[in-house]
Amino acid sequence: MKPLGPLAFPLALLYGAGVSLFRGGYESGLRRRERFSVPVVSIGNIEAGGTGKSPLVAALCQKILDLAKRPGVVSRGYGRVNPGADLLISRGKGLLVGVEEAGDEPALLVKKVPGTSVAVAGDRRAGIRRLSGLCDIILLDDGFQSLEVLPDLSFVFLPFEMARRPMGLGDLLPAGPLREPPGVLSRATHWVLGGPETMEVSGLLSNLSRIVGPGKMRPILRTQFRLSAVRDFDGASRTPLESLSGRTVAVVAGIANPKRVEEALIGVGARVAGLLALPDHAPFDSSTREKIRKFSLEMAGEGAEILLTTEKDRIKWTDLPESPLPVGVLEGESLLLDLPKWEGVLSRLISGGF
């Protein structure tokens, strides 16, 4: 949803009041919150749209496996065909259901980190129970607003705009991008900042202190999402992203922030002839196929040499779409910057230090 701007401020106030009432129900004890015997980590944000939560979940799952522990993930599974069903989609040995039942992001997580057990559920408590006995640590993907669960740790992404200015009620949906008022950032145990290590943070820290107060500042963990490689449609060959330098490409992306893909390609020297931005979690149905076919023909006429898509899109493509161009799949990953900090947090959680 594109923010409507200042004219929607009255609607933002109404939205904010509703959010406060919902949150107050849990904070007052009128709604029950549940804590589990297995350690639970919530990963989320206060912004609508993609900030890199799911890639970070994948990176943390791999790190948990590296620490000889069993990770589990609970996701809502946005875009799946039966969103009301609570399903165990992986026991840590591959996908148990089809992509349509699992949702694109959970299915991709199972593919990228196959040792992870995954459940999809609207109520995160039900998802956690589905993972009973399978995991040593459970991660809630996009779980910051899942107040029915009391997590042991809560990681929330900081909005990029907050580095430039303090944010407030005028930034709530639908006027701005925020799901909740920025003051709720203090509900987290840790803040996550995405972006390069060279990013200046002094302005961000100043603005955060003004919003939550000096006594409610949280430790900041750093991560950076990057596109790292391109492989062919069947996965038989894989080359570094830099191999696209000097080439003319076309992009199909059904993700929350498709411009991020275009910017990354331009950054390695590719010429982007066009971008077909599909809705986030768009199904690979006849309508989508036809859009891709027409776009590919148009891009071939513009001199494009290859049609690129994301891993999240590819996981839903049951076969090669009709295209005069070869299809490449862009691989991405979240890097855990200042890795000893991340390892220290996870090790303390595993040892019961929180």
Protein backbone atom coordinates (compact mmCIF):
# COMPACT_ATOMS: atom_id res chain seq x y z
CA MET A 1 0.00 0.00 0.00
CA LYS A 2 1.42 3.38 -1.01
CA PRO A 3 1.21 5.99 1.79
CA LEU A 4 -1.37 8.69 1.07
CA GLY A 5 0.52 11.54 2.75
CA PRO A 6 -0.55 14.36 5.11
CA LEU A 7 -4.11 14.55 3.76
CA ALA A 8 -4.74 11.14 5.34
CA PHE A 9 -3.61 12.29 8.81
CA PRO A 10 -7.14 12.01 10.33
CA LEU A 11 -7.33 8.41 9.12
CA ALA A 12 -3.88 7.78 10.59
CA LEU A 13 -5.12 9.01 13.98
CA LEU A 14 -8.09 6.64 13.81
CA TYR A 15 -5.81 3.78 12.80
CA GLY A 16 -3.44 4.62 15.65
CA ALA A 17 -6.30 4.59 18.15
CA GLY A 18 -7.34 1.14 16.96
CA VAL A 19 -3.78 -0.16 17.23
CA SER A 20 -3.47 1.25 20.75
CA LEU A 21 -6.71 -0.42 21.83
CA PHE A 22 -5.54 -3.75 20.42
CA ARG A 23 -2.15 -3.47 22.12
CA GLY A 24 -3.75 -2.29 25.37
CA GLY A 25 -5.83 -5.43 25.55
CA TYR A 26 -2.65 -7.48 25.93
CA GLU A 27 -0.76 -4.98 28.08
CA SER A 28 -3.65 -4.78 30.56
CA GLY A 29 -4.02 -8.56 30.80
CA LEU A 30 -7.50 -8.65 29.25
CA ARG A 31 -6.02 -10.74 26.43
CA ARG A 32 -3.78 -13.64 27.44
CA ARG A 33 -0.18 -13.81 26.33
CA GLU A 34 1.61 -17.15 26.37
CA ARG A 35 5.23 -18.03 27.07
CA PHE A 36 6.67 -21.35 25.91
CA SER A 37 9.30 -23.67 27.32
CA VAL A 38 11.30 -23.56 24.06
CA PRO A 39 13.09 -20.22 23.50
CA VAL A 40 11.16 -17.99 21.09
CA VAL A 41 12.64 -15.09 19.09
CA SER A 42 10.39 -12.60 17.32
CA ILE A 43 11.71 -10.90 14.17
CA GLY A 44 9.64 -8.06 12.76
CA ASN A 45 9.28 -4.40 11.98
CA ILE A 46 6.89 -1.48 12.38
CA GLU A 47 6.88 -0.62 8.68
CA ALA A 48 4.53 -2.03 6.07
CA GLY A 49 6.35 -3.80 3.26
CA GLY A 50 9.64 -5.61 2.96
CA THR A 51 12.63 -4.71 5.11
CA GLY A 52 14.55 -8.00 4.93
CA LYS A 53 12.87 -9.94 7.74
CA SER A 54 12.66 -13.29 5.93
CA PRO A 55 16.28 -13.24 4.65
CA LEU A 56 17.41 -12.45 8.20
CA VAL A 57 15.35 -15.38 9.51
CA ALA A 58 17.12 -17.65 7.01
CA ALA A 59 20.54 -16.35 8.07
CA LEU A 60 19.73 -16.89 11.76
CA CYS A 61 18.46 -20.42 11.08
CA GLN A 62 21.75 -21.26 9.40
CA LYS A 63 23.68 -19.77 12.32
CA ILE A 64 21.60 -21.82 14.80
CA LEU A 65 22.43 -24.96 12.81
CA ASP A 66 26.11 -23.95 12.90
CA LEU A 67 25.78 -23.86 16.70
CA ALA A 68 24.56 -27.50 16.57
CA LYS A 69 21.00 -26.58 17.53
CA ARG A 70 17.70 -27.20 15.75
CA PRO A 71 15.93 -24.09 14.41
CA GLY A 72 12.21 -23.78 13.83
CA VAL A 73 10.19 -21.01 12.20
CA VAL A 74 6.56 -19.97 12.45
CA SER A 75 5.26 -17.89 9.55
CA ARG A 76 1.82 -16.67 8.52
CA GLY A 77 2.57 -17.92 5.01
CA TYR A 78 1.17 -14.93 3.15
CA GLY A 79 -0.31 -15.75 -0.25
CA ARG A 80 -1.00 -19.44 0.47
CA VAL A 81 -4.21 -20.97 -0.83
CA ASN A 82 -5.69 -21.82 2.60
CA PRO A 83 -4.57 -19.06 4.97
CA GLY A 84 -6.77 -20.35 7.80
CA ALA A 85 -5.00 -23.72 8.03
CA ASP A 86 -2.31 -24.41 10.64
CA LEU A 87 0.23 -26.66 8.93
CA LEU A 88 3.58 -28.23 9.67
CA ILE A 89 5.29 -27.82 6.30
CA SER A 90 8.76 -29.12 7.18
CA ARG A 91 10.31 -31.37 9.82
CA GLY A 92 13.79 -30.20 8.89
CA LYS A 93 14.08 -32.59 5.94
CA GLY A 94 12.41 -30.76 3.06
CA LEU A 95 8.97 -29.46 2.13
CA LEU A 96 6.02 -31.67 3.16
CA VAL A 97 3.35 -29.80 1.16
CA GLY A 98 3.13 -27.87 -2.09
CA VAL A 99 4.33 -24.29 -2.42
CA GLU A 100 0.72 -23.11 -2.81
CA GLU A 101 -0.15 -24.54 0.63
CA ALA A 102 3.08 -23.38 2.29
CA GLY A 103 3.35 -19.85 0.90
CA ASP A 104 6.29 -18.57 -1.11
CA GLU A 105 8.53 -17.31 1.71
CA PRO A 106 8.21 -20.40 3.97
CA ALA A 107 8.79 -22.68 0.96
CA LEU A 108 11.89 -20.69 -0.01
CA LEU A 109 13.20 -20.88 3.57
CA VAL A 110 12.87 -24.69 3.53
CA LYS A 111 14.79 -24.79 0.26
CA LYS A 112 17.58 -22.46 1.39
CA VAL A 113 17.99 -23.86 4.92
CA PRO A 114 16.62 -27.42 4.68
CA GLY A 115 17.52 -28.29 8.27
CA THR A 116 14.83 -25.90 9.52
CA SER A 117 11.43 -27.11 10.73
CA VAL A 118 8.67 -24.73 9.62
CA ALA A 119 5.00 -24.23 10.51
CA VAL A 120 2.52 -21.80 8.94
CA ALA A 121 -0.28 -20.50 11.15
CA GLY A 122 -2.43 -17.43 11.62
CA ASP A 123 -2.16 -17.79 15.42
CA ARG A 124 1.52 -18.06 16.25
CA ARG A 125 0.74 -20.10 19.37
CA ALA A 126 -0.74 -22.84 17.22
CA GLY A 127 2.32 -22.75 14.98
CA ILE A 128 4.67 -23.10 17.94
CA ARG A 129 2.73 -26.14 19.13
CA ARG A 130 3.07 -27.69 15.67
CA LEU A 131 6.85 -27.52 16.14
CA SER A 132 6.78 -29.19 19.55
CA GLY A 133 9.74 -31.53 20.04
CA LEU A 134 11.37 -30.59 16.73
CA CYS A 135 13.29 -27.44 17.67
CA ASP A 136 15.67 -25.92 20.19
CA ILE A 137 14.88 -22.33 19.17
CA ILE A 138 11.78 -21.01 17.38
CA LEU A 139 11.78 -17.84 15.28
CA LEU A 140 8.59 -15.89 14.54
CA ASP A 141 8.91 -14.45 11.04
CA ASP A 142 7.19 -11.03 11.00
CA GLY A 143 6.22 -11.59 14.62
CA PHE A 144 6.53 -8.15 16.24
CA GLN A 145 2.76 -7.56 16.12
CA SER A 146 1.98 -11.12 17.32
CA LEU A 147 1.27 -10.05 20.88
CA GLU A 148 -0.37 -13.36 21.80
CA VAL A 149 3.15 -14.78 22.26
CA LEU A 150 5.64 -13.59 24.90
CA PRO A 151 9.00 -14.04 23.16
CA ASP A 152 12.28 -14.45 24.98
CA LEU A 153 13.91 -12.03 22.54
CA SER A 154 12.38 -9.55 20.12
CA PHE A 155 14.31 -8.16 17.15
CA VAL A 156 12.67 -5.25 15.30
CA PHE A 157 14.00 -3.54 12.19
CA LEU A 158 14.48 0.22 12.45
CA PRO A 159 12.80 2.28 9.71
CA PHE A 160 15.35 3.79 7.31
CA GLU A 161 13.58 7.14 7.42
CA MET A 162 14.31 7.42 11.13
CA ALA A 163 17.97 8.09 10.33
CA ARG A 164 16.83 11.35 8.71
CA ARG A 165 14.14 12.57 11.13
CA PRO A 166 12.07 11.53 14.15
CA MET A 167 8.88 9.80 13.07
CA GLY A 168 5.48 10.20 14.71
CA LEU A 169 1.73 9.74 14.44
CA GLY A 170 1.71 11.39 11.02
CA ASP A 171 3.70 8.43 9.70
CA LEU A 172 1.05 5.84 10.61
CA LEU A 173 -0.93 4.04 7.94
CA PRO A 174 -2.50 5.15 5.67
CA ALA A 175 -0.73 8.54 5.78
CA GLY A 176 2.71 6.96 6.11
CA PRO A 177 4.39 3.54 6.18
CA LEU A 178 4.18 2.67 9.89
CA ARG A 179 2.05 -0.16 11.31
CA GLU A 180 2.49 1.13 14.86
CA PRO A 181 3.63 4.39 16.51
CA PRO A 182 7.44 4.53 16.67
CA GLY A 183 7.42 4.61 20.48
CA VAL A 184 6.62 0.87 20.51
CA LEU A 185 10.17 0.16 19.35
CA SER A 186 11.05 -0.04 23.06
CA ARG A 187 8.92 -3.22 23.21
CA ALA A 188 11.81 -5.03 21.48
CA THR A 189 14.88 -6.35 23.26
CA HIS A 190 17.13 -5.55 20.28
CA TRP A 191 16.97 -3.24 17.29
CA VAL A 192 18.10 -4.38 13.84
CA LEU A 193 19.62 -1.95 11.38
CA GLY A 194 19.86 -2.99 7.75
CA GLY A 195 22.43 -1.46 5.43
CA PRO A 196 26.18 -1.30 4.89
CA GLU A 197 28.63 -1.15 7.77
CA THR A 198 29.65 2.35 6.68
CA MET A 199 26.16 3.73 7.35
CA GLU A 200 26.24 6.75 9.66
CA VAL A 201 24.11 6.12 12.77
CA SER A 202 24.59 9.22 14.94
CA GLY A 203 21.46 10.92 13.58
CA LEU A 204 19.50 7.71 13.95
CA LEU A 205 20.51 7.29 17.59
CA SER A 206 19.61 10.89 18.34
CA ASN A 207 16.16 10.54 16.79
CA LEU A 208 15.54 7.23 18.57
CA SER A 209 16.46 8.76 21.92
CA ARG A 210 13.96 11.57 21.32
CA ILE A 211 11.22 9.04 20.48
CA VAL A 212 11.60 6.34 23.14
CA GLY A 213 13.63 8.21 25.75
CA PRO A 214 17.28 7.68 26.76
CA GLY A 215 16.39 4.97 29.28
CA LYS A 216 14.68 2.77 26.69
CA MET A 217 17.40 2.55 24.07
CA ARG A 218 18.14 -0.99 22.90
CA PRO A 219 21.29 -2.74 21.58
CA ILE A 220 21.59 -2.49 17.81
CA LEU A 221 22.45 -5.51 15.65
CA ARG A 222 23.54 -4.88 12.08
CA THR A 223 22.62 -6.81 8.93
CA GLN A 224 22.92 -6.22 5.21
CA PHE A 225 20.88 -7.85 2.46
CA ARG A 226 22.64 -8.30 -0.84
CA LEU A 227 22.06 -10.00 -4.15
CA SER A 228 25.01 -12.33 -4.51
CA ALA A 229 24.62 -14.52 -7.61
CA VAL A 230 22.56 -15.42 -10.66
CA ARG A 231 21.77 -18.98 -11.65
CA ASP A 232 19.91 -20.49 -14.57
CA PHE A 233 16.27 -21.49 -14.27
CA ASP A 234 17.02 -25.14 -13.42
CA GLY A 235 19.85 -24.29 -11.03
CA ALA A 236 22.49 -26.16 -13.02
CA SER A 237 24.88 -23.20 -13.25
CA ARG A 238 25.60 -20.30 -10.94
CA THR A 239 27.72 -17.19 -11.51
CA PRO A 240 28.52 -14.11 -9.40
CA LEU A 241 26.17 -11.16 -9.71
CA GLU A 242 29.04 -9.18 -11.22
CA SER A 243 28.80 -11.39 -14.32
CA LEU A 244 25.83 -9.20 -15.34
CA SER A 245 28.07 -6.12 -15.64
CA GLY A 246 27.70 -4.54 -19.07
CA ARG A 247 24.68 -6.69 -19.97
CA THR A 248 21.16 -5.48 -20.72
CA VAL A 249 18.63 -7.22 -18.50
CA ALA A 250 14.90 -7.25 -17.79
CA VAL A 251 13.47 -7.96 -14.34
CA VAL A 252 10.26 -9.61 -13.07
CA ALA A 253 9.79 -9.20 -9.31
CA GLY A 254 6.78 -9.97 -7.12
CA ILE A 255 8.24 -8.68 -3.86
CA ALA A 256 7.48 -5.79 -1.53
CA ASN A 257 10.35 -3.60 -2.76
CA PRO A 258 11.21 -4.46 -6.39
CA LYS A 259 13.18 -1.23 -6.87
CA ARG A 260 15.80 -2.65 -4.52
CA VAL A 261 16.53 -5.35 -7.12
CA GLU A 262 16.85 -2.81 -9.91
CA GLU A 263 19.21 -0.66 -7.84
CA ALA A 264 21.42 -3.65 -7.01
CA LEU A 265 21.72 -4.59 -10.68
CA ILE A 266 22.58 -1.05 -11.69
CA GLY A 267 25.14 -1.08 -8.88
CA VAL A 268 27.08 -3.93 -10.53
CA GLY A 269 26.98 -2.27 -13.95
CA ALA A 270 23.97 -3.93 -15.59
CA ARG A 271 21.59 -1.94 -17.79
CA VAL A 272 17.99 -2.54 -16.70
CA ALA A 273 15.79 -2.26 -19.79
CA GLY A 274 12.59 -2.67 -17.77
CA LEU A 275 11.04 -3.87 -14.52
CA LEU A 276 7.76 -5.78 -14.30
CA ALA A 277 6.69 -5.22 -10.68
CA LEU A 278 4.11 -7.83 -9.70
CA PRO A 279 2.10 -7.66 -6.45
CA ASP A 280 3.90 -9.11 -3.45
CA HIS A 281 3.19 -12.88 -3.19
CA ALA A 282 1.55 -12.82 -6.67
CA PRO A 283 0.46 -16.35 -7.72
CA PHE A 284 1.92 -17.94 -10.84
CA ASP A 285 -1.44 -18.15 -12.59
CA SER A 286 -2.54 -17.63 -16.20
CA SER A 287 -2.75 -13.86 -15.75
CA THR A 288 0.81 -13.67 -14.39
CA ARG A 289 2.09 -15.92 -17.17
CA GLU A 290 0.55 -13.65 -19.80
CA LYS A 291 2.07 -10.54 -18.21
CA ILE A 292 5.49 -12.19 -18.24
CA ARG A 293 5.10 -13.30 -21.87
CA LYS A 294 4.16 -9.81 -23.08
CA PHE A 295 6.86 -8.18 -20.99
CA SER A 296 9.53 -10.58 -22.30
CA LEU A 297 8.58 -9.85 -25.92
CA GLU A 298 8.74 -6.13 -25.27
CA MET A 299 12.09 -6.38 -23.49
CA ALA A 300 13.58 -8.50 -26.26
CA GLY A 301 12.71 -5.66 -28.61
CA GLU A 302 14.51 -3.28 -26.25
CA GLY A 303 17.70 -5.31 -26.49
CA ALA A 304 17.46 -7.28 -23.24
CA GLU A 305 19.69 -10.37 -23.19
CA ILE A 306 18.20 -12.14 -20.17
CA LEU A 307 15.02 -12.11 -18.07
CA LEU A 308 15.81 -12.08 -14.37
CA THR A 309 13.52 -12.93 -11.46
CA THR A 310 13.91 -13.41 -7.72
CA GLU A 311 14.17 -16.63 -5.72
CA LYS A 312 10.85 -15.80 -4.09
CA ASP A 313 9.18 -15.68 -7.51
CA ARG A 314 11.02 -18.71 -8.89
CA ILE A 315 9.84 -20.94 -6.03
CA LYS A 316 6.28 -20.56 -7.42
CA TRP A 317 7.12 -20.98 -11.11
CA THR A 318 6.18 -24.59 -11.83
CA ASP A 319 7.72 -24.41 -15.30
CA LEU A 320 9.60 -22.04 -17.56
CA PRO A 321 7.33 -19.14 -18.58
CA GLU A 322 6.93 -18.44 -22.28
CA SER A 323 9.73 -16.04 -23.13
CA PRO A 324 12.12 -15.37 -26.04
CA LEU A 325 14.78 -14.61 -23.40
CA PRO A 326 16.70 -17.03 -21.19
CA VAL A 327 15.59 -16.83 -17.56
CA GLY A 328 17.99 -16.24 -14.69
CA VAL A 329 17.26 -16.36 -10.97
CA LEU A 330 18.78 -13.81 -8.60
CA GLU A 331 20.02 -15.25 -5.31
CA GLY A 332 20.23 -13.09 -2.20
CA GLU A 333 21.28 -13.38 1.41
CA SER A 334 21.40 -11.44 4.66
CA LEU A 335 24.88 -10.91 6.04
CA LEU A 336 25.16 -10.77 9.84
CA LEU A 337 27.48 -7.81 10.32
CA ASP A 338 29.60 -7.72 13.47
CA LEU A 339 29.05 -11.47 13.70
CA PRO A 340 30.37 -11.90 17.30
CA LYS A 341 27.45 -9.77 18.56
CA TRP A 342 24.89 -12.01 16.85
CA GLU A 343 26.65 -15.16 18.04
CA GLY A 344 26.80 -13.78 21.58
CA VAL A 345 23.06 -13.10 21.64
CA LEU A 346 22.20 -16.55 20.27
CA SER A 347 24.65 -18.31 22.61
CA ARG A 348 23.19 -16.55 25.64
CA LEU A 349 19.70 -17.54 24.52
CA ILE A 350 20.73 -21.17 24.10
CA SER A 351 22.37 -21.22 27.54
CA GLY A 352 19.35 -19.59 29.19
CA GLY A 353 21.13 -16.31 29.79
CA PHE A 354 18.13 -14.09 29.00
